[in-house]
Amino acid sequence: MITLVIEDGSGVTDANSYIDITYADTIATLNDEDNWLDCNVDDKNKAIVKATQLVDTLYGPRYKGSILNSSQSLLYPRGSFMSTTGRLINAGTIPKELKNAIAYAAFGFFNGDLTMIEDNFEDANIKKESFGVGSGAYTESIEYYEKVSEGSVSKSRVVLELRTLLNAPSIQFNVVRG
């Protein structure tokens, strides 16, 4: 049996989730996720832990702000930052967008139809771009975040929820004069 250890914003050292079952059940009720509501507690716990791990692994490198405490086990809480919608996210909090994303990812795991990437993977999941000009030659390289895809559902609600908490992909330009 899996036990949820919830990150409450204080930097819990053994946390394995940002949400509890009650939070996920509330989101499920609002979104008519009846399969989730009929699921047993252990399966819900497993899906929530798996969702937390995957969201942190896939999107963590792009989270805004800095980790608050080096001993925390998850990538939130973070220092204060402004979301892309201009809302201040205070240090030591777990944003509702992240909590919602974890709930939607857990539903996807439970239903077996999770896709954690955008339909247009190449445009939306760029990790790093670099362009260079030197010795008369133009070079370009693009590095993508690893695709994590299970099943057939596209453009997950997870991505929509997380957008305001993520940094834009970095673009680097190199000019070599010679």
N, C-alpha and C. Protein backbone atom coordinates (compact mmCIF):
# COMPACT_ATOMS: atom_id res chain seq x y z
N MET A 1 0.84 -1.19 0.00
CA MET A 1 0.00 0.00 0.00
C MET A 1 0.88 1.24 0.00
N ILE A 2 0.57 2.18 -0.85
CA ILE A 2 1.29 3.44 -0.98
C ILE A 2 0.67 4.46 -0.03
N THR A 3 1.52 5.17 0.69
CA THR A 3 1.07 6.24 1.57
C THR A 3 1.50 7.56 0.97
N LEU A 4 0.59 8.50 0.87
CA LEU A 4 0.92 9.83 0.37
C LEU A 4 1.57 10.65 1.48
N VAL A 5 2.67 11.29 1.14
CA VAL A 5 3.30 12.26 2.03
C VAL A 5 3.22 13.59 1.28
N ILE A 6 2.40 14.48 1.77
CA ILE A 6 2.05 15.70 1.04
C ILE A 6 3.03 16.83 1.32
N GLU A 7 3.49 17.46 0.24
CA GLU A 7 4.29 18.68 0.36
C GLU A 7 3.35 19.82 0.69
N ASP A 8 3.58 20.47 1.81
CA ASP A 8 2.70 21.54 2.28
C ASP A 8 3.27 22.94 2.07
N GLY A 9 4.44 23.01 1.43
CA GLY A 9 5.08 24.30 1.21
C GLY A 9 6.24 24.56 2.15
N SER A 10 6.48 23.64 3.08
CA SER A 10 7.57 23.83 4.04
C SER A 10 8.85 23.09 3.64
N GLY A 11 8.83 22.38 2.53
CA GLY A 11 10.01 21.64 2.09
C GLY A 11 10.12 20.28 2.75
N VAL A 12 9.04 19.53 2.74
CA VAL A 12 8.99 18.21 3.38
C VAL A 12 10.04 17.29 2.75
N THR A 13 10.88 16.70 3.59
CA THR A 13 12.02 15.92 3.07
C THR A 13 11.64 14.59 2.43
N ASP A 14 10.49 14.04 2.78
CA ASP A 14 10.10 12.75 2.20
C ASP A 14 8.77 12.82 1.45
N ALA A 15 8.39 14.02 1.01
CA ALA A 15 7.13 14.19 0.29
C ALA A 15 7.16 13.43 -1.03
N ASN A 16 6.00 12.89 -1.41
CA ASN A 16 5.89 12.21 -2.70
C ASN A 16 4.68 12.71 -3.50
N SER A 17 4.03 13.77 -3.02
CA SER A 17 2.87 14.32 -3.71
C SER A 17 2.64 15.76 -3.32
N TYR A 18 1.99 16.49 -4.23
CA TYR A 18 1.56 17.86 -3.94
C TYR A 18 0.09 17.91 -3.53
N ILE A 19 -0.63 16.80 -3.72
CA ILE A 19 -2.06 16.78 -3.42
C ILE A 19 -2.42 15.52 -2.64
N ASP A 20 -3.55 15.60 -1.97
CA ASP A 20 -4.09 14.40 -1.31
C ASP A 20 -5.29 13.90 -2.12
N ILE A 21 -5.84 12.79 -1.71
CA ILE A 21 -6.97 12.20 -2.43
C ILE A 21 -8.18 13.13 -2.43
N THR A 22 -8.41 13.82 -1.33
CA THR A 22 -9.56 14.73 -1.26
C THR A 22 -9.48 15.80 -2.35
N TYR A 23 -8.29 16.36 -2.55
CA TYR A 23 -8.11 17.37 -3.60
C TYR A 23 -8.41 16.76 -4.97
N ALA A 24 -7.82 15.60 -5.24
CA ALA A 24 -8.05 14.94 -6.53
C ALA A 24 -9.53 14.59 -6.72
N ASP A 25 -10.18 14.13 -5.67
CA ASP A 25 -11.60 13.79 -5.76
C ASP A 25 -12.45 15.03 -6.08
N THR A 26 -12.09 16.17 -5.50
CA THR A 26 -12.82 17.41 -5.79
C THR A 26 -12.69 17.79 -7.26
N ILE A 27 -11.47 17.73 -7.79
CA ILE A 27 -11.25 18.04 -9.21
C ILE A 27 -11.99 17.01 -10.08
N ALA A 28 -11.95 15.75 -9.67
CA ALA A 28 -12.66 14.69 -10.42
C ALA A 28 -14.15 14.95 -10.46
N THR A 29 -14.72 15.35 -9.34
CA THR A 29 -16.16 15.64 -9.28
C THR A 29 -16.51 16.79 -10.21
N LEU A 30 -15.68 17.83 -10.22
CA LEU A 30 -15.93 18.99 -11.08
C LEU A 30 -15.81 18.67 -12.56
N ASN A 31 -15.07 17.61 -12.88
CA ASN A 31 -14.81 17.25 -14.28
C ASN A 31 -15.42 15.92 -14.70
N ASP A 32 -16.36 15.42 -13.91
CA ASP A 32 -17.07 14.18 -14.24
C ASP A 32 -16.13 13.01 -14.50
N GLU A 33 -15.09 12.89 -13.69
CA GLU A 33 -14.17 11.75 -13.78
C GLU A 33 -14.70 10.62 -12.91
N ASP A 34 -15.80 10.02 -13.35
CA ASP A 34 -16.47 9.00 -12.55
C ASP A 34 -15.61 7.76 -12.32
N ASN A 35 -14.77 7.38 -13.30
CA ASN A 35 -13.88 6.24 -13.11
C ASN A 35 -12.96 6.46 -11.91
N TRP A 36 -12.46 7.69 -11.80
CA TRP A 36 -11.57 8.02 -10.67
C TRP A 36 -12.33 7.92 -9.36
N LEU A 37 -13.52 8.45 -9.32
CA LEU A 37 -14.29 8.47 -8.08
C LEU A 37 -14.64 7.06 -7.61
N ASP A 38 -14.74 6.10 -8.53
CA ASP A 38 -15.04 4.71 -8.18
C ASP A 38 -13.79 3.90 -7.85
N CYS A 39 -12.64 4.48 -8.00
CA CYS A 39 -11.36 3.80 -7.81
C CYS A 39 -11.06 3.60 -6.32
N ASN A 40 -10.28 2.56 -5.99
CA ASN A 40 -9.92 2.34 -4.58
C ASN A 40 -8.77 3.26 -4.16
N VAL A 41 -8.60 3.41 -2.86
CA VAL A 41 -7.63 4.34 -2.29
C VAL A 41 -6.21 4.03 -2.73
N ASP A 42 -5.81 2.77 -2.73
CA ASP A 42 -4.44 2.44 -3.09
C ASP A 42 -4.14 2.78 -4.55
N ASP A 43 -5.08 2.51 -5.45
CA ASP A 43 -4.87 2.87 -6.85
C ASP A 43 -4.79 4.39 -7.03
N LYS A 44 -5.60 5.13 -6.28
CA LYS A 44 -5.52 6.59 -6.34
C LYS A 44 -4.16 7.08 -5.84
N ASN A 45 -3.70 6.53 -4.72
CA ASN A 45 -2.39 6.93 -4.19
C ASN A 45 -1.28 6.65 -5.19
N LYS A 46 -1.30 5.48 -5.81
CA LYS A 46 -0.29 5.13 -6.80
C LYS A 46 -0.31 6.12 -7.97
N ALA A 47 -1.50 6.43 -8.46
CA ALA A 47 -1.62 7.34 -9.60
C ALA A 47 -1.13 8.75 -9.23
N ILE A 48 -1.43 9.21 -8.02
CA ILE A 48 -1.01 10.54 -7.59
C ILE A 48 0.51 10.61 -7.46
N VAL A 49 1.12 9.60 -6.87
CA VAL A 49 2.59 9.58 -6.74
C VAL A 49 3.24 9.52 -8.11
N LYS A 50 2.75 8.67 -8.98
CA LYS A 50 3.29 8.55 -10.33
C LYS A 50 3.15 9.87 -11.09
N ALA A 51 2.00 10.51 -10.97
CA ALA A 51 1.77 11.79 -11.63
C ALA A 51 2.72 12.86 -11.12
N THR A 52 2.92 12.91 -9.82
CA THR A 52 3.84 13.89 -9.22
C THR A 52 5.25 13.69 -9.75
N GLN A 53 5.71 12.45 -9.77
CA GLN A 53 7.06 12.15 -10.25
C GLN A 53 7.22 12.55 -11.72
N LEU A 54 6.24 12.21 -12.53
CA LEU A 54 6.36 12.49 -13.95
C LEU A 54 6.30 13.99 -14.25
N VAL A 55 5.39 14.70 -13.60
CA VAL A 55 5.28 16.14 -13.85
C VAL A 55 6.56 16.84 -13.40
N ASP A 56 7.09 16.50 -12.23
CA ASP A 56 8.35 17.10 -11.79
C ASP A 56 9.50 16.75 -12.73
N THR A 57 9.56 15.52 -13.18
CA THR A 57 10.64 15.10 -14.07
C THR A 57 10.55 15.79 -15.42
N LEU A 58 9.38 15.83 -15.99
CA LEU A 58 9.21 16.38 -17.33
C LEU A 58 9.25 17.91 -17.35
N TYR A 59 8.59 18.55 -16.40
CA TYR A 59 8.46 20.00 -16.43
C TYR A 59 9.33 20.72 -15.41
N GLY A 60 9.88 20.01 -14.44
CA GLY A 60 10.69 20.63 -13.39
C GLY A 60 11.81 21.51 -13.88
N PRO A 61 12.55 21.12 -14.93
CA PRO A 61 13.63 22.00 -15.40
C PRO A 61 13.14 23.36 -15.90
N ARG A 62 11.85 23.47 -16.17
CA ARG A 62 11.30 24.74 -16.67
C ARG A 62 10.50 25.51 -15.62
N TYR A 63 10.37 24.97 -14.38
CA TYR A 63 9.63 25.69 -13.35
C TYR A 63 10.29 27.04 -13.07
N LYS A 64 9.46 28.05 -12.91
CA LYS A 64 9.96 29.36 -12.52
C LYS A 64 10.40 29.32 -11.06
N GLY A 65 11.26 30.25 -10.68
CA GLY A 65 11.73 30.34 -9.30
C GLY A 65 12.80 29.30 -8.99
N SER A 66 13.34 29.39 -7.80
CA SER A 66 14.39 28.47 -7.35
C SER A 66 13.87 27.60 -6.23
N ILE A 67 14.41 26.40 -6.13
CA ILE A 67 14.03 25.51 -5.03
C ILE A 67 14.24 26.24 -3.72
N LEU A 68 13.30 26.09 -2.81
CA LEU A 68 13.33 26.81 -1.55
C LEU A 68 14.30 26.20 -0.55
N ASN A 69 14.39 24.87 -0.52
CA ASN A 69 15.15 24.19 0.51
C ASN A 69 15.87 23.00 -0.13
N SER A 70 17.17 22.91 0.02
CA SER A 70 17.93 21.84 -0.65
C SER A 70 17.58 20.45 -0.14
N SER A 71 16.94 20.34 1.01
CA SER A 71 16.61 19.02 1.54
C SER A 71 15.19 18.56 1.16
N GLN A 72 14.43 19.40 0.46
CA GLN A 72 13.08 18.99 0.06
C GLN A 72 13.17 17.92 -1.02
N SER A 73 12.22 17.00 -1.03
CA SER A 73 12.29 15.89 -1.98
C SER A 73 11.67 16.20 -3.33
N LEU A 74 10.74 17.15 -3.38
CA LEU A 74 10.09 17.53 -4.64
C LEU A 74 10.63 18.88 -5.11
N LEU A 75 10.26 19.29 -6.30
CA LEU A 75 10.78 20.53 -6.87
C LEU A 75 10.02 21.78 -6.45
N TYR A 76 8.91 21.63 -5.78
CA TYR A 76 8.22 22.72 -5.09
C TYR A 76 8.24 22.37 -3.62
N PRO A 77 8.31 23.37 -2.73
CA PRO A 77 8.09 24.80 -2.92
C PRO A 77 9.31 25.48 -3.54
N ARG A 78 9.04 26.69 -4.05
CA ARG A 78 10.06 27.49 -4.70
C ARG A 78 10.04 28.89 -4.10
N GLY A 79 11.06 29.66 -4.43
CA GLY A 79 11.07 31.06 -4.04
C GLY A 79 9.99 31.82 -4.78
N SER A 80 9.68 33.02 -4.34
CA SER A 80 8.65 33.84 -4.98
C SER A 80 9.00 34.12 -6.44
N PHE A 81 7.97 34.18 -7.28
CA PHE A 81 8.14 34.53 -8.69
C PHE A 81 6.81 35.02 -9.23
N MET A 82 6.87 35.65 -10.39
CA MET A 82 5.67 36.10 -11.08
C MET A 82 5.29 35.05 -12.13
N SER A 83 4.03 34.64 -12.12
CA SER A 83 3.57 33.71 -13.14
C SER A 83 3.47 34.45 -14.46
N THR A 84 3.29 33.73 -15.54
CA THR A 84 3.19 34.39 -16.85
C THR A 84 1.91 35.20 -16.97
N THR A 85 0.97 35.02 -16.04
CA THR A 85 -0.25 35.84 -16.03
C THR A 85 -0.09 37.06 -15.13
N GLY A 86 1.12 37.26 -14.59
CA GLY A 86 1.38 38.43 -13.75
C GLY A 86 0.97 38.26 -12.30
N ARG A 87 0.67 37.05 -11.90
CA ARG A 87 0.26 36.79 -10.52
C ARG A 87 1.49 36.41 -9.71
N LEU A 88 1.63 37.02 -8.52
CA LEU A 88 2.73 36.69 -7.63
C LEU A 88 2.49 35.33 -7.00
N ILE A 89 3.43 34.43 -7.16
CA ILE A 89 3.40 33.14 -6.48
C ILE A 89 4.37 33.27 -5.32
N ASN A 90 3.86 33.26 -4.11
CA ASN A 90 4.68 33.47 -2.93
C ASN A 90 5.56 32.27 -2.63
N ALA A 91 6.71 32.55 -2.05
CA ALA A 91 7.62 31.49 -1.62
C ALA A 91 6.91 30.59 -0.62
N GLY A 92 7.23 29.31 -0.70
CA GLY A 92 6.70 28.37 0.27
C GLY A 92 5.25 27.98 0.05
N THR A 93 4.75 28.17 -1.17
CA THR A 93 3.38 27.76 -1.49
C THR A 93 3.40 26.73 -2.61
N ILE A 94 2.32 26.00 -2.71
CA ILE A 94 2.14 25.06 -3.81
C ILE A 94 0.99 25.63 -4.64
N PRO A 95 1.29 26.16 -5.83
CA PRO A 95 0.26 26.81 -6.65
C PRO A 95 -0.86 25.85 -7.05
N LYS A 96 -2.07 26.39 -7.12
CA LYS A 96 -3.22 25.56 -7.50
C LYS A 96 -3.05 24.98 -8.90
N GLU A 97 -2.36 25.69 -9.78
CA GLU A 97 -2.13 25.17 -11.13
C GLU A 97 -1.33 23.87 -11.09
N LEU A 98 -0.33 23.82 -10.22
CA LEU A 98 0.45 22.59 -10.07
C LEU A 98 -0.40 21.49 -9.47
N LYS A 99 -1.17 21.81 -8.45
CA LYS A 99 -2.05 20.82 -7.83
C LYS A 99 -3.04 20.26 -8.85
N ASN A 100 -3.63 21.16 -9.64
CA ASN A 100 -4.58 20.72 -10.67
C ASN A 100 -3.90 19.84 -11.71
N ALA A 101 -2.69 20.21 -12.11
CA ALA A 101 -1.96 19.42 -13.10
C ALA A 101 -1.70 18.01 -12.58
N ILE A 102 -1.35 17.90 -11.31
CA ILE A 102 -1.11 16.58 -10.72
C ILE A 102 -2.40 15.76 -10.73
N ALA A 103 -3.52 16.39 -10.39
CA ALA A 103 -4.80 15.68 -10.40
C ALA A 103 -5.12 15.18 -11.81
N TYR A 104 -4.99 16.04 -12.81
CA TYR A 104 -5.29 15.62 -14.18
C TYR A 104 -4.35 14.51 -14.66
N ALA A 105 -3.07 14.61 -14.28
CA ALA A 105 -2.13 13.55 -14.65
C ALA A 105 -2.50 12.24 -13.97
N ALA A 106 -2.92 12.31 -12.72
CA ALA A 106 -3.34 11.09 -12.00
C ALA A 106 -4.54 10.45 -12.68
N PHE A 107 -5.51 11.27 -13.12
CA PHE A 107 -6.67 10.72 -13.84
C PHE A 107 -6.21 10.03 -15.11
N GLY A 108 -5.25 10.66 -15.81
CA GLY A 108 -4.73 10.07 -17.04
C GLY A 108 -4.06 8.73 -16.80
N PHE A 109 -3.27 8.64 -15.73
CA PHE A 109 -2.64 7.37 -15.40
C PHE A 109 -3.69 6.33 -15.08
N PHE A 110 -4.68 6.71 -14.29
CA PHE A 110 -5.71 5.75 -13.90
C PHE A 110 -6.51 5.28 -15.11
N ASN A 111 -6.85 6.20 -16.01
CA ASN A 111 -7.64 5.86 -17.19
C ASN A 111 -6.81 5.21 -18.29
N GLY A 112 -5.49 5.25 -18.17
CA GLY A 112 -4.62 4.66 -19.18
C GLY A 112 -4.54 5.45 -20.46
N ASP A 113 -4.85 6.74 -20.40
CA ASP A 113 -4.84 7.54 -21.63
C ASP A 113 -4.01 8.82 -21.47
N LEU A 114 -2.90 8.71 -20.78
CA LEU A 114 -2.10 9.89 -20.49
C LEU A 114 -1.12 10.20 -21.60
N THR A 115 -1.11 11.45 -22.01
CA THR A 115 -0.08 12.00 -22.86
C THR A 115 0.38 13.27 -22.18
N MET A 116 1.65 13.34 -21.84
CA MET A 116 2.16 14.48 -21.09
C MET A 116 2.81 15.53 -21.98
N ILE A 117 2.61 15.44 -23.26
CA ILE A 117 3.26 16.38 -24.16
C ILE A 117 2.22 17.10 -25.02
N GLU A 118 2.64 18.19 -25.60
CA GLU A 118 1.81 18.94 -26.53
C GLU A 118 1.69 18.16 -27.84
N ASP A 119 0.60 18.40 -28.58
CA ASP A 119 0.48 17.82 -29.91
C ASP A 119 1.65 18.25 -30.79
N ASN A 120 1.99 19.51 -30.74
CA ASN A 120 3.06 20.06 -31.53
C ASN A 120 4.34 20.03 -30.69
N PHE A 121 4.86 18.85 -30.46
CA PHE A 121 5.98 18.65 -29.55
C PHE A 121 7.17 19.52 -29.90
N GLU A 122 7.51 19.61 -31.16
CA GLU A 122 8.72 20.31 -31.57
C GLU A 122 8.66 21.79 -31.21
N ASP A 123 7.51 22.44 -31.24
CA ASP A 123 7.42 23.86 -30.91
C ASP A 123 7.24 24.10 -29.42
N ALA A 124 6.48 23.25 -28.74
CA ALA A 124 6.12 23.53 -27.35
C ALA A 124 7.09 22.96 -26.33
N ASN A 125 7.94 22.04 -26.71
CA ASN A 125 8.79 21.36 -25.74
C ASN A 125 10.28 21.54 -26.04
N ILE A 126 10.65 22.72 -26.52
CA ILE A 126 12.04 23.01 -26.79
C ILE A 126 12.75 23.32 -25.48
N LYS A 127 13.84 22.62 -25.24
CA LYS A 127 14.62 22.85 -24.03
C LYS A 127 15.66 23.94 -24.27
N LYS A 128 16.31 23.89 -25.44
CA LYS A 128 17.39 24.83 -25.72
C LYS A 128 17.58 24.93 -27.23
N GLU A 129 17.76 26.16 -27.71
CA GLU A 129 18.08 26.39 -29.11
C GLU A 129 19.37 27.18 -29.18
N SER A 130 20.18 26.90 -30.15
CA SER A 130 21.35 27.74 -30.37
C SER A 130 21.59 27.87 -31.87
N PHE A 131 21.99 29.07 -32.23
CA PHE A 131 22.25 29.40 -33.62
C PHE A 131 23.63 30.04 -33.68
N GLY A 132 24.37 29.77 -34.69
CA GLY A 132 25.70 30.38 -34.81
C GLY A 132 26.05 30.68 -36.24
N VAL A 133 26.88 31.69 -36.38
CA VAL A 133 27.39 32.05 -37.69
C VAL A 133 28.89 32.20 -37.55
N GLY A 134 29.64 31.48 -38.31
CA GLY A 134 31.10 31.59 -38.23
C GLY A 134 31.74 30.96 -39.44
N SER A 135 32.78 31.56 -39.91
CA SER A 135 33.52 31.06 -41.07
C SER A 135 32.60 30.83 -42.26
N GLY A 136 31.62 31.71 -42.41
CA GLY A 136 30.73 31.61 -43.54
C GLY A 136 29.69 30.52 -43.43
N ALA A 137 29.63 29.83 -42.31
CA ALA A 137 28.67 28.74 -42.15
C ALA A 137 27.67 29.08 -41.04
N TYR A 138 26.46 28.70 -41.26
CA TYR A 138 25.37 28.89 -40.28
C TYR A 138 25.12 27.55 -39.60
N THR A 139 25.07 27.56 -38.28
CA THR A 139 24.77 26.32 -37.55
C THR A 139 23.56 26.53 -36.66
N GLU A 140 22.83 25.47 -36.46
CA GLU A 140 21.63 25.52 -35.63
C GLU A 140 21.52 24.19 -34.88
N SER A 141 21.19 24.28 -33.61
CA SER A 141 20.91 23.05 -32.87
C SER A 141 19.72 23.29 -31.96
N ILE A 142 18.90 22.28 -31.83
CA ILE A 142 17.72 22.34 -30.99
C ILE A 142 17.71 21.10 -30.11
N GLU A 143 17.54 21.33 -28.81
CA GLU A 143 17.45 20.23 -27.85
C GLU A 143 16.03 20.24 -27.28
N TYR A 144 15.37 19.08 -27.28
CA TYR A 144 14.00 18.97 -26.81
C TYR A 144 13.95 18.27 -25.46
N TYR A 145 12.92 18.59 -24.69
CA TYR A 145 12.64 17.80 -23.50
C TYR A 145 12.23 16.42 -23.97
N GLU A 146 12.54 15.41 -23.19
CA GLU A 146 12.23 14.04 -23.57
C GLU A 146 10.73 13.83 -23.67
N LYS A 147 10.31 13.16 -24.72
CA LYS A 147 8.90 12.83 -24.87
C LYS A 147 8.50 11.79 -23.84
N VAL A 148 7.41 12.04 -23.15
CA VAL A 148 6.85 11.05 -22.23
C VAL A 148 5.41 10.88 -22.67
N SER A 149 5.13 9.77 -23.28
CA SER A 149 3.82 9.60 -23.86
C SER A 149 3.31 8.19 -23.62
N GLU A 150 2.14 8.09 -23.09
CA GLU A 150 1.49 6.80 -22.87
C GLU A 150 0.08 6.93 -23.46
N GLY A 151 -0.32 6.04 -24.30
CA GLY A 151 -1.68 6.05 -24.80
C GLY A 151 -1.90 6.99 -25.94
N SER A 152 -3.17 7.43 -26.12
CA SER A 152 -3.53 8.15 -27.33
C SER A 152 -4.13 9.54 -27.11
N VAL A 153 -4.27 9.99 -25.90
CA VAL A 153 -4.88 11.30 -25.69
C VAL A 153 -3.84 12.38 -25.96
N SER A 154 -4.26 13.44 -26.67
CA SER A 154 -3.33 14.51 -26.99
C SER A 154 -3.64 15.77 -26.18
N LYS A 155 -2.65 16.62 -26.09
CA LYS A 155 -2.75 17.93 -25.42
C LYS A 155 -3.47 17.86 -24.08
N SER A 156 -2.79 17.35 -23.13
CA SER A 156 -3.34 17.12 -21.80
C SER A 156 -3.67 18.43 -21.07
N ARG A 157 -4.65 18.34 -20.20
CA ARG A 157 -4.95 19.47 -19.30
C ARG A 157 -3.75 19.78 -18.41
N VAL A 158 -2.87 18.82 -18.24
CA VAL A 158 -1.67 19.04 -17.43
C VAL A 158 -0.88 20.22 -17.99
N VAL A 159 -0.64 20.21 -19.29
CA VAL A 159 0.15 21.26 -19.93
C VAL A 159 -0.56 22.60 -19.80
N LEU A 160 -1.86 22.62 -19.99
CA LEU A 160 -2.61 23.87 -19.87
C LEU A 160 -2.51 24.45 -18.47
N GLU A 161 -2.57 23.60 -17.47
CA GLU A 161 -2.46 24.08 -16.09
C GLU A 161 -1.07 24.62 -15.78
N LEU A 162 -0.05 23.96 -16.28
CA LEU A 162 1.32 24.32 -15.92
C LEU A 162 1.88 25.53 -16.66
N ARG A 163 1.29 25.91 -17.75
CA ARG A 163 1.86 26.97 -18.59
C ARG A 163 2.26 28.22 -17.83
N THR A 164 1.47 28.64 -16.87
CA THR A 164 1.76 29.89 -16.17
C THR A 164 2.93 29.76 -15.19
N LEU A 165 3.34 28.52 -14.89
CA LEU A 165 4.41 28.30 -13.91
C LEU A 165 5.75 27.97 -14.56
N LEU A 166 5.79 27.95 -15.89
CA LEU A 166 7.00 27.53 -16.60
C LEU A 166 7.72 28.70 -17.25
N ASN A 167 9.05 28.62 -17.25
CA ASN A 167 9.86 29.55 -18.01
C ASN A 167 9.75 29.20 -19.48
N ALA A 168 9.85 30.21 -20.31
CA ALA A 168 9.88 29.97 -21.75
C ALA A 168 11.19 29.29 -22.09
N PRO A 169 11.21 28.49 -23.13
CA PRO A 169 12.47 27.88 -23.54
C PRO A 169 13.51 28.96 -23.83
N SER A 170 14.75 28.66 -23.48
CA SER A 170 15.80 29.65 -23.72
C SER A 170 16.23 29.60 -25.17
N ILE A 171 16.55 30.77 -25.69
CA ILE A 171 17.07 30.86 -27.05
C ILE A 171 18.44 31.53 -26.95
N GLN A 172 19.42 30.91 -27.53
CA GLN A 172 20.78 31.45 -27.47
C GLN A 172 21.26 31.72 -28.88
N PHE A 173 21.92 32.86 -29.04
CA PHE A 173 22.51 33.21 -30.33
C PHE A 173 24.01 33.33 -30.14
N ASN A 174 24.76 32.66 -30.96
CA ASN A 174 26.21 32.75 -30.93
C ASN A 174 26.68 33.38 -32.22
N VAL A 175 27.50 34.40 -32.11
CA VAL A 175 28.09 35.01 -33.29
C VAL A 175 29.60 34.86 -33.15
N VAL A 176 30.19 34.25 -34.17
CA VAL A 176 31.64 34.06 -34.18
C VAL A 176 32.19 34.92 -35.30
N ARG A 177 33.13 35.77 -34.94
CA ARG A 177 33.75 36.62 -35.95
C ARG A 177 35.15 36.10 -36.22
N GLY A 178 35.48 36.06 -37.45
CA GLY A 178 36.80 35.49 -37.71
C GLY A 178 37.47 35.95 -38.90
